[in-house]
Amino acid sequence: MSEIEIVKVDQGAINARILAKEAKADFRRVEAASLKILARFTSAEGKRFVARLFNTLQLNAHFISVISRTRLDHDDVARIEDAIRTRMEAASTALNQAIDGAEALFKVHGITCAATYDAVPLDIEVHVLSSLGRRYLEVLGKLDQLMPLLQTLEIHEVLSTQEVDIQRANLKRQVRDIANGTRTLAMGLRRQMNTMAEKAGDKQPPSEPADPDKPAANSEATAIVSAVDGDHEEDGQPAPEIVAVPAAESES
């Protein structure tokens, strides 16, 4: 007897739609080597966040770690990198705690099987440029791991729909804020470098430094880090020569 199909499931159209609507990050001016990693995302949140945020964060982090060091004080740039790492560590800790909490609830309530997605997983090769990019990829992976666990707990009525929505929204915000904060930091450094170039009468753009061996003092770095601590800038703001985070998701 032939198998009767009673539901229609995704055959890859969801992934194609997600990738088609995202602007392609421009790496043509990046000369750094990258580590090629095969990654798989199954949740709606994981798929959309890796498509929308990962490469833009990498380009902004590359500007901070590589380009800005050619003109700004290295110690000040290092403090900005530390601020990004601190935000990543906070999000990673929150995700780890949420995963551990979900697994504990599974055990208490005798749940042995997590919900799975009928949509085709998103399998992509990501090019990791730096330790910041690697850390962010790990954060995105943890977010993707947690999403079906929360949905399973909602299905079994261990958590209410409202409780799941609140936890999901809070964690997504933390993950998104890492990319938004990195963009804000990169924009601040670019503005400072442009100001320095104007004062020196240098028309050369910061992405093509005139003298990499003479970094200038960066007295504003601490102020830039402090400013971004409370930044929750909405997605979609254009950034001159800095890749902006795309518009906030509407389908996750």
Protein backbone atom coordinates (compact mmCIF):
# COMPACT_ATOMS: atom_id res chain seq x y z
CA MET A 1 0.00 0.00 0.00
CA SER A 2 1.46 3.36 -1.01
CA GLU A 3 2.09 5.93 1.69
CA ILE A 4 -0.66 8.53 1.90
CA GLU A 5 0.49 12.10 2.45
CA ILE A 6 -1.86 13.89 4.81
CA VAL A 7 0.27 17.02 5.29
CA LYS A 8 2.53 19.03 3.04
CA VAL A 9 5.92 19.85 4.50
CA ASP A 10 8.64 22.28 3.54
CA GLN A 11 11.07 21.12 0.86
CA GLY A 12 13.56 23.96 1.24
CA ALA A 13 11.43 26.92 0.21
CA ILE A 14 11.66 28.49 3.68
CA ASN A 15 15.45 28.56 3.59
CA ALA A 16 15.45 29.95 0.07
CA ARG A 17 13.07 32.71 1.14
CA ILE A 18 15.18 33.61 4.18
CA LEU A 19 18.40 33.81 2.17
CA ALA A 20 16.83 35.63 -0.77
CA LYS A 21 15.57 38.55 1.32
CA GLU A 22 18.89 39.19 3.07
CA ALA A 23 21.43 41.58 1.59
CA LYS A 24 24.71 39.90 0.74
CA ALA A 25 27.61 41.03 2.93
CA ASP A 26 30.45 42.48 0.86
CA PHE A 27 33.77 40.86 1.77
CA ARG A 28 35.62 42.00 -1.36
CA ARG A 29 37.86 44.40 0.61
CA VAL A 30 38.61 41.94 3.42
CA GLU A 31 41.99 40.28 2.90
CA ALA A 32 42.04 38.27 6.13
CA ALA A 33 42.11 34.48 6.13
CA SER A 34 38.99 32.74 7.39
CA LEU A 35 38.19 29.40 8.94
CA LYS A 36 35.53 27.57 6.91
CA ILE A 37 32.99 25.86 9.17
CA LEU A 38 29.92 23.87 8.18
CA ALA A 39 27.03 24.95 10.36
CA ARG A 40 23.44 23.72 10.64
CA PHE A 41 20.49 25.69 11.99
CA THR A 42 17.04 24.21 12.44
CA SER A 43 14.97 26.81 14.29
CA ALA A 44 13.32 29.82 12.69
CA GLU A 45 15.23 32.09 15.06
CA GLY A 46 18.60 30.47 14.41
CA LYS A 47 18.18 30.57 10.64
CA ARG A 48 17.14 34.21 10.50
CA PHE A 49 19.75 35.42 12.96
CA VAL A 50 22.66 33.71 11.23
CA ALA A 51 21.49 35.09 7.87
CA ARG A 52 20.90 38.61 9.14
CA LEU A 53 23.48 39.19 11.82
CA PHE A 54 26.53 36.93 11.53
CA ASN A 55 28.37 38.37 8.53
CA THR A 56 27.49 41.97 9.35
CA LEU A 57 28.89 41.49 12.85
CA GLN A 58 32.03 39.98 11.35
CA LEU A 59 32.61 42.93 9.02
CA ASN A 60 32.10 45.45 11.82
CA ALA A 61 34.36 43.44 14.14
CA HIS A 62 36.99 43.30 11.38
CA PHE A 63 36.86 47.09 11.08
CA ILE A 64 37.32 47.44 14.84
CA SER A 65 40.07 44.86 15.26
CA VAL A 66 42.04 45.40 12.04
CA ILE A 67 41.26 48.69 10.30
CA SER A 68 40.95 50.93 13.35
CA ARG A 69 44.23 49.62 14.79
CA THR A 70 46.09 51.18 11.85
CA ARG A 71 45.31 54.67 13.18
CA LEU A 72 44.07 54.41 16.75
CA ASP A 73 45.74 53.39 19.97
CA HIS A 74 45.90 49.61 20.25
CA ASP A 75 45.09 49.55 23.96
CA ASP A 76 41.92 51.56 23.39
CA VAL A 77 40.85 49.22 20.58
CA ALA A 78 41.51 46.27 22.88
CA ARG A 79 39.14 47.76 25.47
CA ILE A 80 36.44 47.98 22.84
CA GLU A 81 37.03 44.36 21.86
CA ASP A 82 36.73 43.42 25.53
CA ALA A 83 33.37 45.19 25.70
CA ILE A 84 32.11 43.07 22.79
CA ARG A 85 33.43 39.88 24.40
CA THR A 86 31.76 40.78 27.69
CA ARG A 87 28.42 41.15 25.95
CA MET A 88 28.92 37.81 24.18
CA GLU A 89 29.84 36.09 27.43
CA ALA A 90 26.72 37.46 29.12
CA ALA A 91 24.49 36.18 26.32
CA SER A 92 26.27 32.81 26.28
CA THR A 93 25.83 32.44 30.06
CA ALA A 94 22.13 33.29 29.82
CA LEU A 95 21.64 30.74 27.03
CA ASN A 96 23.54 28.04 28.91
CA GLN A 97 21.39 28.62 31.98
CA ALA A 98 18.22 28.48 29.89
CA ILE A 99 19.32 25.22 28.23
CA ASP A 100 20.22 23.67 31.59
CA GLY A 101 16.91 24.81 33.05
CA ALA A 102 14.94 23.37 30.14
CA GLU A 103 16.76 20.03 30.40
CA ALA A 104 16.06 19.92 34.15
CA LEU A 105 12.35 20.44 33.47
CA PHE A 106 12.48 17.64 30.90
CA LYS A 107 13.83 15.32 33.57
CA VAL A 108 11.38 16.39 36.29
CA HIS A 109 8.36 15.94 34.02
CA GLY A 110 9.55 12.75 32.36
CA ILE A 111 9.90 14.27 28.90
CA THR A 112 12.22 12.10 26.84
CA CYS A 113 11.85 13.55 23.37
CA ALA A 114 12.21 17.15 22.15
CA ALA A 115 10.09 18.66 19.40
CA THR A 116 11.67 18.68 15.96
CA TYR A 117 11.14 20.85 12.89
CA ASP A 118 9.50 19.66 9.70
CA ALA A 119 11.19 22.46 7.75
CA VAL A 120 14.47 21.58 6.05
CA PRO A 121 17.53 22.59 8.15
CA LEU A 122 19.68 25.45 6.93
CA ASP A 123 23.12 24.00 6.15
CA ILE A 124 25.68 26.67 5.33
CA GLU A 125 29.43 27.11 5.20
CA VAL A 126 30.39 30.10 7.31
CA HIS A 127 33.70 31.90 6.98
CA VAL A 128 34.95 32.79 10.47
CA LEU A 129 37.34 35.73 10.37
CA SER A 130 38.20 36.15 14.03
CA SER A 131 37.70 34.95 17.58
CA LEU A 132 34.81 37.40 17.87
CA GLY A 133 33.16 35.79 14.86
CA ARG A 134 33.73 32.32 16.31
CA ARG A 135 32.25 33.33 19.66
CA TYR A 136 29.19 34.82 17.99
CA LEU A 137 28.66 31.70 15.91
CA GLU A 138 28.69 29.69 19.14
CA VAL A 139 26.10 32.04 20.67
CA LEU A 140 23.86 31.62 17.62
CA GLY A 141 24.23 27.84 17.88
CA LYS A 142 23.09 27.89 21.51
CA LEU A 143 20.07 30.01 20.62
CA ASP A 144 19.19 27.51 17.90
CA GLN A 145 19.58 24.63 20.38
CA LEU A 146 17.30 26.22 22.97
CA MET A 147 14.34 27.11 20.75
CA PRO A 148 12.91 23.56 20.27
CA LEU A 149 13.39 22.84 23.98
CA LEU A 150 11.21 25.80 24.92
CA GLN A 151 8.60 24.79 22.37
CA THR A 152 8.56 21.24 23.76
CA LEU A 153 7.92 22.58 27.27
CA GLU A 154 5.07 24.70 25.93
CA ILE A 155 3.53 21.72 24.11
CA HIS A 156 3.57 19.69 27.35
CA GLU A 157 2.21 22.72 29.26
CA VAL A 158 5.18 22.75 31.59
CA LEU A 159 5.59 26.41 30.63
CA SER A 160 2.81 28.69 29.46
CA THR A 161 2.87 30.29 26.04
CA GLN A 162 3.44 33.65 27.71
CA GLU A 163 6.39 32.36 29.74
CA VAL A 164 7.99 30.90 26.64
CA ASP A 165 7.43 34.09 24.65
CA ILE A 166 8.99 36.25 27.37
CA GLN A 167 12.06 34.04 27.69
CA ARG A 168 12.47 33.73 23.94
CA ALA A 169 12.16 37.48 23.38
CA ASN A 170 14.65 38.32 26.14
CA LEU A 171 17.29 35.93 24.83
CA LYS A 172 16.82 37.01 21.23
CA ARG A 173 17.25 40.63 22.29
CA GLN A 174 20.55 39.83 24.01
CA VAL A 175 21.85 38.02 20.93
CA ARG A 176 20.71 40.82 18.61
CA ASP A 177 22.22 43.48 20.86
CA ILE A 178 25.68 41.98 20.35
CA ALA A 179 25.49 42.73 16.62
CA ASN A 180 23.86 46.14 17.15
CA GLY A 181 26.46 47.08 19.76
CA THR A 182 29.34 46.04 17.52
CA ARG A 183 27.93 48.15 14.72
CA THR A 184 27.62 51.16 17.02
CA LEU A 185 31.21 50.77 18.21
CA ALA A 186 32.49 50.51 14.63
CA MET A 187 30.55 53.61 13.61
CA GLY A 188 31.99 55.55 16.55
CA LEU A 189 35.53 54.57 15.64
CA ARG A 190 34.99 55.47 12.01
CA ARG A 191 33.68 58.89 12.95
CA GLN A 192 36.71 59.48 15.13
CA MET A 193 39.08 58.35 12.39
CA ASN A 194 37.35 60.61 9.87
CA THR A 195 37.69 63.55 12.27
CA MET A 196 41.38 62.81 12.75
CA ALA A 197 41.87 62.61 8.99
CA GLU A 198 40.12 65.94 8.43
CA LYS A 199 42.25 67.67 11.05
CA ALA A 200 45.39 66.25 9.45
CA GLY A 201 44.21 67.21 5.97
CA ASP A 202 44.24 63.55 5.00
CA LYS A 203 41.67 62.68 2.35
CA GLN A 204 42.45 58.96 2.43
CA PRO A 205 39.57 56.89 3.85
CA PRO A 206 40.15 54.97 7.09
CA SER A 207 39.85 51.64 5.30
CA GLU A 208 43.04 52.50 3.40
CA PRO A 209 45.39 53.88 6.09
CA ALA A 210 48.18 56.19 5.07
CA ASP A 211 50.66 55.08 7.75
CA PRO A 212 49.81 51.87 9.65
CA ASP A 213 52.94 52.18 11.79
CA LYS A 214 51.78 55.37 13.53
CA PRO A 215 48.53 54.79 15.45
CA ALA A 216 47.08 57.96 16.92
CA ALA A 217 45.85 58.38 20.48
CA ASN A 218 42.21 57.48 20.98
CA SER A 219 40.99 59.45 23.97
CA GLU A 220 37.35 58.80 23.05
CA ALA A 221 37.47 54.99 23.11
CA THR A 222 36.26 54.70 26.69
CA ALA A 223 33.38 57.07 25.95
CA ILE A 224 32.40 54.98 22.94
CA VAL A 225 32.35 51.79 25.02
CA SER A 226 30.28 53.48 27.73
CA ALA A 227 27.80 54.81 25.21
CA VAL A 228 27.14 51.42 23.66
CA ASP A 229 26.45 49.78 27.03
CA GLY A 230 22.94 51.20 27.01
CA ASP A 231 22.45 51.07 23.27
CA HIS A 232 19.44 49.19 21.93
CA GLU A 233 19.33 50.94 18.58
CA GLU A 234 16.67 49.58 16.25
CA ASP A 235 17.80 47.51 13.28
CA GLY A 236 17.90 49.00 9.83
CA GLN A 237 19.84 52.23 10.51
CA PRO A 238 22.30 52.88 7.67
CA ALA A 239 25.96 53.16 8.53
CA PRO A 240 28.33 54.82 6.05
CA GLU A 241 30.92 52.27 4.94
CA ILE A 242 29.97 50.08 7.88
CA VAL A 243 27.66 47.15 7.24
CA ALA A 244 24.41 47.83 9.09
CA VAL A 245 22.32 45.17 10.80
CA PRO A 246 19.29 44.43 8.60
CA ALA A 247 15.72 45.22 9.56
CA ALA A 248 14.21 43.53 12.61
CA GLU A 249 12.77 40.13 11.92
CA SER A 250 9.07 39.77 11.20
CA GLU A 251 8.85 36.00 10.76
CA SER A 252 10.64 34.56 13.78
